[in-house]
């Protein structure tokens, strides 16, 4: 569970960093790009967490 949360946080931070570049450059579309990046984080993070929690038992084996 801790690993999946760390992965989700890292992906979210990278999406936010990429989304803020046009805004920092002063482009007129910067606010829209940042908003879409934030919405992408809010939508995909819970789906990724649920997917990891559901599938890790089937995909990982103990040695």
PDB file of N, CA and C in Angstrom:
ATOM      1  N   UNK A   1       0.820  -1.187   0.000  1.00  0.00           N
ATOM      2  CA  UNK A   1       0.000   0.000   0.000  1.00  0.00           C
ATOM      3  C   UNK A   1       0.869   1.257   0.000  1.00  0.00           C
ATOM      4  N   UNK A   2       1.942   1.232   0.784  1.00  0.00           N
ATOM      5  CA  UNK A   2       2.817   2.393   0.857  1.00  0.00           C
ATOM      6  C   UNK A   2       3.507   2.651  -0.473  1.00  0.00           C
ATOM      7  N   UNK A   3       3.905   1.590  -1.156  1.00  0.00           N
ATOM      8  CA  UNK A   3       4.563   1.748  -2.447  1.00  0.00           C
ATOM      9  C   UNK A   3       3.607   2.337  -3.475  1.00  0.00           C
ATOM     10  N   UNK A   4       2.376   1.883  -3.480  1.00  0.00           N
ATOM     11  CA  UNK A   4       1.411   2.414  -4.444  1.00  0.00           C
ATOM     12  C   UNK A   4       1.113   3.883  -4.178  1.00  0.00           C
ATOM     13  N   UNK A   5       1.058   4.270  -2.915  1.00  0.00           N
ATOM     14  CA  UNK A   5       0.831   5.682  -2.602  1.00  0.00           C
ATOM     15  C   UNK A   5       2.007   6.543  -3.033  1.00  0.00           C
ATOM     16  N   UNK A   6       3.218   6.037  -2.828  1.00  0.00           N
ATOM     17  CA  UNK A   6       4.406   6.788  -3.249  1.00  0.00           C
ATOM     18  C   UNK A   6       4.424   6.960  -4.760  1.00  0.00           C
ATOM     19  N   UNK A   7       4.077   5.920  -5.480  1.00  0.00           N
ATOM     20  CA  UNK A   7       4.044   5.992  -6.938  1.00  0.00           C
ATOM     21  C   UNK A   7       2.996   6.986  -7.421  1.00  0.00           C
ATOM     22  N   UNK A   8       1.845   6.974  -6.806  1.00  0.00           N
ATOM     23  CA  UNK A   8       0.776   7.897  -7.188  1.00  0.00           C
ATOM     24  C   UNK A   8       1.197   9.344  -6.912  1.00  0.00           C
ATOM     25  N   UNK A   9       1.858   9.570  -5.781  1.00  0.00           N
ATOM     26  CA  UNK A   9       2.323  10.925  -5.458  1.00  0.00           C
ATOM     27  C   UNK A   9       3.359  11.391  -6.474  1.00  0.00           C
ATOM     28  N   UNK A  10       4.295  10.507  -6.849  1.00  0.00           N
ATOM     29  CA  UNK A  10       5.321  10.887  -7.824  1.00  0.00           C
ATOM     30  C   UNK A  10       4.713  11.211  -9.186  1.00  0.00           C
ATOM     31  N   UNK A  11       3.764  10.418  -9.620  1.00  0.00           N
ATOM     32  CA  UNK A  11       3.106  10.679 -10.908  1.00  0.00           C
ATOM     33  C   UNK A  11       2.334  11.997 -10.851  1.00  0.00           C
ATOM     34  N   UNK A  12       1.655  12.227  -9.747  1.00  0.00           N
ATOM     35  CA  UNK A  12       0.918  13.475  -9.596  1.00  0.00           C
ATOM     36  C   UNK A  12       1.826  14.687  -9.600  1.00  0.00           C
ATOM     37  N   UNK A  13       2.968  14.580  -8.935  1.00  0.00           N
ATOM     38  CA  UNK A  13       3.911  15.700  -8.921  1.00  0.00           C
ATOM     39  C   UNK A  13       4.488  15.963 -10.307  1.00  0.00           C
ATOM     40  N   UNK A  14       4.767  14.916 -11.051  1.00  0.00           N
ATOM     41  CA  UNK A  14       5.309  15.128 -12.392  1.00  0.00           C
ATOM     42  C   UNK A  14       4.256  15.740 -13.316  1.00  0.00           C
ATOM     43  N   UNK A  15       3.004  15.330 -13.185  1.00  0.00           N
ATOM     44  CA  UNK A  15       1.945  15.936 -13.999  1.00  0.00           C
ATOM     45  C   UNK A  15       1.768  17.403 -13.649  1.00  0.00           C
ATOM     46  N   UNK A  16       1.833  17.727 -12.365  1.00  0.00           N
ATOM     47  CA  UNK A  16       1.679  19.125 -11.957  1.00  0.00           C
ATOM     48  C   UNK A  16       2.863  19.965 -12.429  1.00  0.00           C
ATOM     49  N   UNK A  17       4.059  19.388 -12.393  1.00  0.00           N
ATOM     50  CA  UNK A  17       5.243  20.124 -12.846  1.00  0.00           C
ATOM     51  C   UNK A  17       5.165  20.405 -14.343  1.00  0.00           C
ATOM     52  N   UNK A  18       4.758  19.422 -15.109  1.00  0.00           N
ATOM     53  CA  UNK A  18       4.646  19.613 -16.560  1.00  0.00           C
ATOM     54  C   UNK A  18       3.508  20.581 -16.883  1.00  0.00           C
ATOM     55  N   UNK A  19       2.413  20.502 -16.140  1.00  0.00           N
ATOM     56  CA  UNK A  19       1.277  21.372 -16.390  1.00  0.00           C
ATOM     57  C   UNK A  19       1.540  22.826 -16.053  1.00  0.00           C
ATOM     58  N   UNK A  20       2.481  23.082 -15.157  1.00  0.00           N
ATOM     59  CA  UNK A  20       2.739  24.466 -14.751  1.00  0.00           C
ATOM     60  C   UNK A  20       3.726  25.185 -15.659  1.00  0.00           C
ATOM     61  N   UNK A  21       4.386  24.482 -16.562  1.00  0.00           N
ATOM     62  CA  UNK A  21       5.378  25.110 -17.439  1.00  0.00           C
ATOM     63  C   UNK A  21       4.761  26.176 -18.341  1.00  0.00           C
ATOM     64  N   UNK A  22       3.666  25.903 -19.051  1.00  0.00           N
ATOM     65  CA  UNK A  22       3.075  26.961 -19.893  1.00  0.00           C
ATOM     66  C   UNK A  22       2.618  28.170 -19.081  1.00  0.00           C
ATOM     67  N   UNK A  23       2.139  27.931 -17.870  1.00  0.00           N
ATOM     68  CA  UNK A  23       1.717  29.036 -17.022  1.00  0.00           C
ATOM     69  C   UNK A  23       2.925  29.891 -16.626  1.00  0.00           C
ATOM     70  N   UNK A  24       4.033  29.246 -16.279  1.00  0.00           N
ATOM     71  CA  UNK A  24       5.242  29.979 -15.906  1.00  0.00           C
ATOM     72  C   UNK A  24       5.844  30.729 -17.094  1.00  0.00           C
ATOM     73  N   UNK A  25       5.638  30.206 -18.300  1.00  0.00           N
ATOM     74  CA  UNK A  25       6.160  30.874 -19.493  1.00  0.00           C
ATOM     75  C   UNK A  25       5.291  32.054 -19.915  1.00  0.00           C
ATOM     76  N   UNK A  26       4.138  32.212 -19.285  1.00  0.00           N
ATOM     77  CA  UNK A  26       3.256  33.326 -19.604  1.00  0.00           C
ATOM     78  C   UNK A  26       2.391  33.109 -20.821  1.00  0.00           C
ATOM     79  N   UNK A  27       2.237  31.867 -21.248  1.00  0.00           N
ATOM     80  CA  UNK A  27       1.384  31.582 -22.401  1.00  0.00           C
ATOM     81  C   UNK A  27      -0.085  31.782 -22.029  1.00  0.00           C
ATOM     82  N   UNK A  28      -0.903  32.232 -22.965  1.00  0.00           N
ATOM     83  CA  UNK A  28      -2.317  32.465 -22.651  1.00  0.00           C
ATOM     84  C   UNK A  28      -3.068  31.176 -22.289  1.00  0.00           C
ATOM     85  N   UNK A  29      -2.599  30.057 -22.753  1.00  0.00           N
ATOM     86  CA  UNK A  29      -3.283  28.790 -22.464  1.00  0.00           C
ATOM     87  C   UNK A  29      -2.769  28.147 -21.175  1.00  0.00           C
ATOM     88  N   UNK A  30      -1.884  28.818 -20.457  1.00  0.00           N
ATOM     89  CA  UNK A  30      -1.259  28.234 -19.273  1.00  0.00           C
ATOM     90  C   UNK A  30      -2.230  27.816 -18.198  1.00  0.00           C
ATOM     91  N   UNK A  31      -3.229  28.642 -17.937  1.00  0.00           N
ATOM     92  CA  UNK A  31      -4.215  28.319 -16.908  1.00  0.00           C
ATOM     93  C   UNK A  31      -5.027  27.084 -17.288  1.00  0.00           C
ATOM     94  N   UNK A  32      -5.366  26.963 -18.556  1.00  0.00           N
ATOM     95  CA  UNK A  32      -6.139  25.802 -19.019  1.00  0.00           C
ATOM     96  C   UNK A  32      -5.297  24.536 -18.921  1.00  0.00           C
ATOM     97  N   UNK A  33      -4.035  24.607 -19.336  1.00  0.00           N
ATOM     98  CA  UNK A  33      -3.161  23.435 -19.272  1.00  0.00           C
ATOM     99  C   UNK A  33      -2.981  22.984 -17.831  1.00  0.00           C
ATOM    100  N   UNK A  34      -2.764  23.917 -16.918  1.00  0.00           N
ATOM    101  CA  UNK A  34      -2.616  23.571 -15.509  1.00  0.00           C
ATOM    102  C   UNK A  34      -3.901  22.971 -14.948  1.00  0.00           C
ATOM    103  N   UNK A  35      -5.049  23.519 -15.340  1.00  0.00           N
ATOM    104  CA  UNK A  35      -6.334  22.983 -14.873  1.00  0.00           C
ATOM    105  C   UNK A  35      -6.557  21.561 -15.363  1.00  0.00           C
ATOM    106  N   UNK A  36      -6.211  21.303 -16.610  1.00  0.00           N
ATOM    107  CA  UNK A  36      -6.365  19.947 -17.158  1.00  0.00           C
ATOM    108  C   UNK A  36      -5.415  18.986 -16.459  1.00  0.00           C
ATOM    109  N   UNK A  37      -4.195  19.428 -16.140  1.00  0.00           N
ATOM    110  CA  UNK A  37      -3.245  18.575 -15.428  1.00  0.00           C
ATOM    111  C   UNK A  37      -3.763  18.226 -14.036  1.00  0.00           C
ATOM    112  N   UNK A  38      -4.325  19.210 -13.347  1.00  0.00           N
ATOM    113  CA  UNK A  38      -4.871  18.953 -12.008  1.00  0.00           C
ATOM    114  C   UNK A  38      -6.068  18.014 -12.086  1.00  0.00           C
ATOM    115  N   UNK A  39      -6.952  18.215 -13.061  1.00  0.00           N
ATOM    116  CA  UNK A  39      -8.086  17.297 -13.231  1.00  0.00           C
ATOM    117  C   UNK A  39      -7.605  15.889 -13.551  1.00  0.00           C
ATOM    118  N   UNK A  40      -6.560  15.786 -14.357  1.00  0.00           N
ATOM    119  CA  UNK A  40      -5.996  14.477 -14.662  1.00  0.00           C
ATOM    120  C   UNK A  40      -5.486  13.776 -13.421  1.00  0.00           C
ATOM    121  N   UNK A  41      -4.853  14.530 -12.533  1.00  0.00           N
ATOM    122  CA  UNK A  41      -4.374  13.958 -11.275  1.00  0.00           C
ATOM    123  C   UNK A  41      -5.549  13.502 -10.418  1.00  0.00           C
ATOM    124  N   UNK A  42      -6.560  14.348 -10.299  1.00  0.00           N
ATOM    125  CA  UNK A  42      -7.702  14.015  -9.451  1.00  0.00           C
ATOM    126  C   UNK A  42      -8.493  12.818  -9.965  1.00  0.00           C
ATOM    127  N   UNK A  43      -8.490  12.605 -11.268  1.00  0.00           N
ATOM    128  CA  UNK A  43      -9.241  11.479 -11.839  1.00  0.00           C
ATOM    129  C   UNK A  43      -8.412  10.199 -11.817  1.00  0.00           C
ATOM    130  N   UNK A  44      -7.147  10.278 -12.221  1.00  0.00           N
ATOM    131  CA  UNK A  44      -6.359   9.053 -12.387  1.00  0.00           C
ATOM    132  C   UNK A  44      -5.753   8.527 -11.090  1.00  0.00           C
ATOM    133  N   UNK A  45      -5.494   9.381 -10.109  1.00  0.00           N
ATOM    134  CA  UNK A  45      -4.873   8.905  -8.868  1.00  0.00           C
ATOM    135  C   UNK A  45      -5.749   7.898  -8.123  1.00  0.00           C
ATOM    136  N   UNK A  46      -7.026   8.182  -7.898  1.00  0.00           N
ATOM    137  CA  UNK A  46      -7.846   7.172  -7.216  1.00  0.00           C
ATOM    138  C   UNK A  46      -8.023   5.898  -8.048  1.00  0.00           C
ATOM    139  N   UNK A  47      -8.142   6.041  -9.361  1.00  0.00           N
ATOM    140  CA  UNK A  47      -8.278   4.850 -10.208  1.00  0.00           C
ATOM    141  C   UNK A  47      -7.019   3.990 -10.147  1.00  0.00           C
ATOM    142  N   UNK A  48      -5.861   4.633 -10.156  1.00  0.00           N
ATOM    143  CA  UNK A  48      -4.602   3.885 -10.047  1.00  0.00           C
ATOM    144  C   UNK A  48      -4.466   3.195  -8.705  1.00  0.00           C
ATOM    145  N   UNK A  49      -4.845   3.869  -7.633  1.00  0.00           N
ATOM    146  CA  UNK A  49      -4.764   3.268  -6.301  1.00  0.00           C
ATOM    147  C   UNK A  49      -5.684   2.056  -6.196  1.00  0.00           C
ATOM    148  N   UNK A  50      -6.881   2.184  -6.711  1.00  0.00           N
ATOM    149  CA  UNK A  50      -7.823   1.060  -6.686  1.00  0.00           C
ATOM    150  C   UNK A  50      -7.292  -0.092  -7.529  1.00  0.00           C
ATOM    151  N   UNK A  51      -6.767   0.224  -8.704  1.00  0.00           N
ATOM    152  CA  UNK A  51      -6.229  -0.828  -9.572  1.00  0.00           C
ATOM    153  C   UNK A  51      -5.062  -1.560  -8.956  1.00  0.00           C
ATOM    154  N   UNK A  52      -4.186  -0.843  -8.295  1.00  0.00           N
ATOM    155  CA  UNK A  52      -3.042  -1.479  -7.642  1.00  0.00           C
ATOM    156  C   UNK A  52      -3.503  -2.350  -6.488  1.00  0.00           C
ATOM    157  N   UNK A  53      -4.410  -1.839  -5.656  1.00  0.00           N
ATOM    158  CA  UNK A  53      -4.891  -2.611  -4.518  1.00  0.00           C
ATOM    159  C   UNK A  53      -5.641  -3.873  -4.937  1.00  0.00           C
ATOM    160  N   UNK A  54      -6.333  -3.811  -6.057  1.00  0.00           N
ATOM    161  CA  UNK A  54      -7.100  -4.970  -6.521  1.00  0.00           C
ATOM    162  C   UNK A  54      -6.191  -6.019  -7.160  1.00  0.00           C
ATOM    163  N   UNK A  55      -5.169  -5.583  -7.887  1.00  0.00           N
ATOM    164  CA  UNK A  55      -4.412  -6.531  -8.706  1.00  0.00           C
ATOM    165  C   UNK A  55      -3.082  -6.997  -8.131  1.00  0.00           C
ATOM    166  N   UNK A  56      -2.589  -6.405  -7.053  1.00  0.00           N
ATOM    167  CA  UNK A  56      -1.243  -6.781  -6.618  1.00  0.00           C
ATOM    168  C   UNK A  56      -1.154  -8.221  -6.124  1.00  0.00           C
ATOM    169  N   UNK A  57      -2.195  -8.734  -5.542  1.00  0.00           N
ATOM    170  CA  UNK A  57      -2.143 -10.119  -5.052  1.00  0.00           C
ATOM    171  C   UNK A  57      -2.040 -11.123  -6.202  1.00  0.00           C
ATOM    172  N   UNK A  58      -2.678 -10.809  -7.309  1.00  0.00           N
ATOM    173  CA  UNK A  58      -2.648 -11.731  -8.457  1.00  0.00           C
ATOM    174  C   UNK A  58      -1.345 -11.597  -9.242  1.00  0.00           C
ATOM    175  N   UNK A  59      -0.750 -10.417  -9.251  1.00  0.00           N
ATOM    176  CA  UNK A  59       0.421 -10.176 -10.091  1.00  0.00           C
ATOM    177  C   UNK A  59       1.747 -10.451  -9.380  1.00  0.00           C
ATOM    178  N   UNK A  60       1.768 -10.365  -8.071  1.00  0.00           N
ATOM    179  CA  UNK A  60       3.012 -10.564  -7.326  1.00  0.00           C
ATOM    180  C   UNK A  60       2.988 -11.908  -6.623  1.00  0.00           C
ATOM    181  N   UNK A  61       4.137 -12.551  -6.602  1.00  0.00           N
ATOM    182  CA  UNK A  61       4.282 -13.838  -5.941  1.00  0.00           C
ATOM    183  C   UNK A  61       5.324 -13.723  -4.839  1.00  0.00           C
ATOM    184  N   UNK A  62       5.101 -14.436  -3.744  1.00  0.00           N
ATOM    185  CA  UNK A  62       6.101 -14.487  -2.680  1.00  0.00           C
ATOM    186  C   UNK A  62       7.145 -15.527  -3.041  1.00  0.00           C
ATOM    187  N   UNK A  63       8.390 -15.201  -2.755  1.00  0.00           N
ATOM    188  CA  UNK A  63       9.482 -16.167  -3.020  1.00  0.00           C
ATOM    189  C   UNK A  63       9.954 -16.796  -1.741  1.00  0.00           C
TER     190      UNK A  63
END
